[in-house]
Protein backbone atom coordinates (compact mmCIF):
# COMPACT_ATOMS: atom_id res chain seq x y z
CA MET A 1 9.82 12.68 -37.86
CA SER A 2 13.28 13.54 -39.18
CA MET A 3 14.17 16.34 -41.29
CA ASP A 4 17.38 16.43 -43.43
CA ILE A 5 18.33 20.11 -42.62
CA PRO A 6 22.12 20.68 -42.88
CA GLN A 7 23.47 21.68 -39.39
CA PRO A 8 26.70 23.63 -38.92
CA ASP A 9 29.59 21.38 -38.32
CA HIS A 10 30.75 22.65 -34.94
CA ARG A 11 33.82 20.28 -34.80
CA GLY A 12 37.11 21.84 -35.17
CA PRO A 13 38.21 25.55 -35.34
CA ALA A 14 36.70 26.03 -38.80
CA GLY A 15 33.24 24.86 -37.72
CA GLN A 16 33.38 26.88 -34.59
CA ARG A 17 34.23 30.01 -36.67
CA ARG A 18 31.38 29.34 -39.07
CA ALA A 19 29.10 28.87 -36.19
CA ARG A 20 30.02 32.22 -34.62
CA ALA A 21 29.62 33.96 -38.01
CA MET A 22 26.19 32.60 -38.33
CA LYS A 23 25.17 33.85 -34.85
CA PHE A 24 26.83 37.14 -35.50
CA ASN A 25 24.99 37.67 -38.69
CA ALA A 26 21.74 36.81 -36.98
CA LEU A 27 22.50 39.26 -34.27
CA LEU A 28 23.52 41.95 -36.86
CA THR A 29 20.26 41.41 -38.92
CA ASN A 30 18.09 41.66 -35.76
CA ALA A 31 19.94 44.77 -34.66
CA VAL A 32 19.32 46.44 -38.14
CA ILE A 33 15.63 45.47 -38.11
CA PHE A 34 15.14 46.88 -34.57
CA HIS A 35 16.93 50.08 -35.53
CA ASN A 36 14.80 50.55 -38.60
CA ALA A 37 11.66 50.00 -36.41
CA LEU A 38 12.82 52.70 -34.14
CA ASP A 39 13.45 55.02 -37.03
CA ILE A 40 10.08 54.28 -38.56
CA ALA A 41 8.44 55.21 -35.18
CA GLU A 42 10.35 58.35 -34.91
CA ILE A 43 9.39 59.52 -38.39
CA VAL A 44 5.62 58.78 -37.57
CA ARG A 45 6.08 60.83 -34.38
CA GLN A 46 7.52 63.74 -36.49
CA LEU A 47 4.75 63.53 -39.11
CA LEU A 48 2.05 63.58 -36.35
CA GLU A 49 3.74 66.69 -34.64
CA GLU A 50 3.67 68.35 -38.05
CA GLY A 51 -0.08 67.66 -38.33
CA TRP A 52 -0.08 64.80 -40.78
CA GLU A 53 -2.92 62.31 -40.44
CA ILE A 54 -1.48 58.82 -40.15
CA ASP A 55 -3.63 56.02 -41.69
CA PRO A 56 -3.05 52.87 -39.64
CA GLU A 57 -3.45 50.89 -42.95
CA ASP A 58 -0.55 52.61 -44.45
CA LEU A 59 1.60 51.76 -41.54
CA ALA A 60 0.52 48.07 -41.73
CA HIS A 61 2.47 48.08 -45.20
CA ILE A 62 5.67 49.41 -43.80
CA SER A 63 8.36 46.77 -43.14
CA PRO A 64 11.25 47.45 -40.73
CA TYR A 65 13.20 44.86 -42.79
CA LEU A 66 14.77 47.43 -45.10
CA THR A 67 18.18 46.63 -46.59
CA GLU A 68 18.93 49.25 -49.15
CA HIS A 69 21.06 51.25 -46.77
CA ILE A 70 23.13 48.26 -45.53
CA ASN A 71 26.61 48.18 -46.92
CA ARG A 72 27.44 44.57 -46.13
CA PHE A 73 31.17 44.72 -47.05
CA GLY A 74 31.75 48.45 -46.42
CA GLU A 75 33.26 50.33 -43.44
CA TYR A 76 31.16 51.49 -40.57
CA SER A 77 32.01 54.12 -37.93
CA THR A 78 31.94 52.85 -34.47
CA HIS A 79 32.52 56.17 -32.44
CA GLU A 80 28.82 56.36 -31.57
CA LEU A 81 28.83 53.01 -29.77
CA GLY A 82 29.72 54.69 -26.41
CA ILE A 83 26.93 57.32 -26.55
CA GLN A 84 24.04 56.65 -24.20
CA PRO A 85 20.73 56.84 -26.01
CA GLU A 86 17.66 58.73 -24.69
CA ALA A 87 15.04 56.57 -23.11
CA TYR A 88 12.65 55.05 -25.74
CA ASP A 89 8.99 55.83 -25.60
CA PRO A 90 7.14 53.02 -27.33
CA LYS A 91 3.80 54.84 -27.55
CA LEU A 92 2.61 55.93 -31.09
CA ASP A 93 -0.45 58.27 -31.09
CA VAL A 94 -2.15 56.26 -33.93
CA ASP A 95 -5.45 54.66 -33.65
CA PHE A 96 -5.03 50.97 -34.78
CA THR A 97 -8.61 49.95 -33.92
CA PRO A 98 -9.81 49.94 -37.60
CA LEU A 99 -7.01 47.31 -38.37
CA ARG A 100 -7.97 45.06 -35.30
CA GLU A 101 -11.56 45.13 -36.48
CA GLN A 102 -10.95 43.73 -39.88
CA ASP A 103 -9.50 40.51 -40.99
CA LEU A 104 -5.99 41.54 -42.18
CA THR A 105 -5.23 38.35 -44.03
CA ALA A 106 -8.37 38.70 -46.15
CA THR A 107 -7.12 42.13 -47.39
CA GLY A 108 -3.58 41.00 -47.85
CA LEU A 109 -2.11 43.08 -45.01
CA GLY A 110 -1.16 40.10 -42.96
CA GLN A 111 1.22 38.85 -45.45
CA ALA A 112 4.90 39.67 -45.55
CA ALA A 113 6.03 41.80 -48.34
């Protein structure tokens, strides 16, 4: 089975620059999504500490693929790149059992926003 999907032309300096730019954009996108997921988890932890009840169905609707705060053509400060982050704790104290027990695709939660 063949598909006519255009592939980047890696021949020559221009093609190599385009290929590097595509790889960099994919890496940058993944880094932003990961950073957003960490921010969302931290906010959920803060809300739990303040006594809020977190509904797992509400969390199912939150997407880490947020782009409003991204300034694609702006300037960014890089002075924080050398700062060592604290160890990340992946545990969220939210009971996701109700979501596992129901069919998420039937309620529309399994679909991307």
